[in-house]
Protein backbone atom coordinates (compact mmCIF):
# COMPACT_ATOMS: atom_id res chain seq x y z
CA UNK A 1 14.16 5.49 0.23
CA UNK A 2 10.56 4.33 -0.05
CA UNK A 3 8.88 3.23 3.16
CA UNK A 4 5.75 1.06 3.15
CA UNK A 5 3.31 0.86 6.05
CA UNK A 6 0.60 -1.80 5.80
CA UNK A 7 -2.08 -3.15 8.09
CA UNK A 8 -5.75 -3.91 8.35
CA UNK A 9 -8.31 -1.12 8.31
CA UNK A 10 -8.01 1.15 11.35
CA UNK A 11 -4.92 -0.60 12.72
CA UNK A 12 -2.93 2.62 13.10
CA UNK A 13 -0.55 2.42 10.15
CA UNK A 14 -1.21 6.01 9.08
CA UNK A 15 -0.68 7.41 12.58
CA UNK A 16 2.53 5.40 12.99
CA UNK A 17 3.83 6.54 9.60
CA UNK A 18 3.11 10.19 10.43
CA UNK A 19 4.82 9.86 13.81
CA UNK A 20 7.94 8.20 12.37
CA UNK A 21 8.16 10.41 9.23
CA UNK A 22 6.97 13.90 10.16
CA UNK A 23 8.71 15.67 7.26
CA UNK A 24 8.18 13.07 4.54
CA UNK A 25 5.94 12.87 1.47
CA UNK A 26 3.05 10.69 2.72
CA UNK A 27 0.65 8.74 0.52
CA UNK A 28 -2.16 7.48 2.80
CA UNK A 29 -4.95 5.28 1.49
CA UNK A 30 -2.71 3.95 -1.25
CA UNK A 31 -4.96 0.93 -1.79
CA UNK A 32 -7.56 3.37 -3.15
CA UNK A 33 -4.95 4.99 -5.42
CA UNK A 34 -4.31 1.52 -6.83
CA UNK A 35 -8.07 1.00 -7.29
CA UNK A 36 -8.34 4.16 -9.39
CA UNK A 37 -5.20 3.46 -11.43
CA UNK A 38 -6.05 -0.14 -12.19
CA UNK A 39 -9.83 -0.45 -12.24
CA UNK A 40 -10.73 3.04 -13.47
CA UNK A 41 -7.76 3.92 -15.67
CA UNK A 42 -6.92 0.38 -16.80
CA UNK A 43 -3.27 0.35 -15.76
CA UNK A 44 -1.46 -2.91 -15.03
CA UNK A 45 -0.86 -3.09 -11.23
CA UNK A 46 2.86 -3.94 -11.29
CA UNK A 47 3.61 -1.42 -14.03
CA UNK A 48 1.75 1.26 -12.07
CA UNK A 49 3.72 0.40 -8.91
CA UNK A 50 7.05 0.56 -10.76
CA UNK A 51 6.08 3.92 -12.27
CA UNK A 52 5.07 5.22 -8.82
CA UNK A 53 8.36 4.11 -7.26
CA UNK A 54 10.33 5.85 -10.01
CA UNK A 55 8.32 9.06 -9.61
CA UNK A 56 8.37 9.09 -5.79
CA UNK A 57 11.66 7.54 -4.61
CA UNK A 58 11.31 8.97 -1.07
CA UNK A 59 7.59 8.35 -0.56
CA UNK A 60 5.99 6.93 2.54
CA UNK A 61 3.24 4.64 1.25
CA UNK A 62 0.39 3.76 3.61
CA UNK A 63 -2.06 1.04 2.59
CA UNK A 64 -4.66 -1.27 4.01
CA UNK A 65 -4.26 -5.00 3.63
CA UNK A 66 -7.31 -5.93 1.60
CA UNK A 67 -6.73 -9.59 0.77
CA UNK A 68 -7.68 -11.23 4.06
CA UNK A 69 -11.11 -12.44 5.01
CA UNK A 70 -14.02 -13.70 2.99
CA UNK A 71 -13.54 -13.64 -0.77
CA UNK A 72 -16.04 -11.17 -2.27
CA UNK A 73 -18.69 -12.48 -4.65
CA UNK A 74 -18.32 -9.36 -6.80
CA UNK A 75 -15.73 -9.85 -9.56
CA UNK A 76 -14.64 -6.19 -9.43
CA UNK A 77 -13.87 -6.44 -5.71
CA UNK A 78 -11.85 -9.61 -6.29
CA UNK A 79 -9.93 -7.82 -9.06
CA UNK A 80 -9.32 -4.89 -6.70
CA UNK A 81 -7.85 -7.18 -4.03
CA UNK A 82 -5.62 -8.88 -6.56
CA UNK A 83 -4.42 -5.57 -8.01
CA UNK A 84 -3.56 -4.19 -4.56
CA UNK A 85 -1.62 -7.33 -3.69
CA UNK A 86 0.36 -7.30 -6.92
CA UNK A 87 1.16 -3.57 -6.72
CA UNK A 88 2.17 -3.69 -3.05
CA UNK A 89 4.50 -6.62 -3.74
CA UNK A 90 6.41 -4.42 -6.18
CA UNK A 91 6.46 -1.49 -3.75
CA UNK A 92 7.64 -3.76 -0.92
CA UNK A 93 10.46 -5.08 -3.09
CA UNK A 94 11.56 -1.53 -3.93
CA UNK A 95 11.11 -0.19 -0.39
CA UNK A 96 13.99 0.16 2.01
CA UNK A 97 11.62 -0.37 4.92
CA UNK A 98 8.33 -2.24 5.27
CA UNK A 99 6.32 -2.01 8.50
CA UNK A 100 3.18 -3.96 9.32
CA UNK A 101 0.98 -2.30 11.90
CA UNK A 102 -1.35 -4.24 14.21
CA UNK A 103 -3.25 -2.50 17.02
CA UNK A 104 -1.03 0.55 16.61
CA UNK A 105 2.18 -1.43 17.03
CA UNK A 106 4.57 -1.42 14.11
CA UNK A 107 6.52 -4.56 13.30
CA UNK A 108 9.36 -4.11 10.80
CA UNK A 109 9.29 -6.91 8.26
CA UNK A 110 11.96 -5.41 6.04
């Protein structure tokens, strides 16, 4: 079962994921994995996310929420935010558990 941990930068989602899943396959910084796959390699965000879920059915995915705040002027940064949002929607749908972390406190949203 895939587990997704999300939160703002430095909100403790990685630490919480490690604590709750000490023996699991962890994928921290997944928002940057999406950046490379989509912006560098040209993959479609949802297709990449579906491929990842198929390849890693027991993964613990850890990602920053990147869509909040001021909209960047740079088109590439806007595309990055959009790609992360689209990919994480697919992963959240496939995940058996989704946890949002704020100030080190995990709140299960699925």
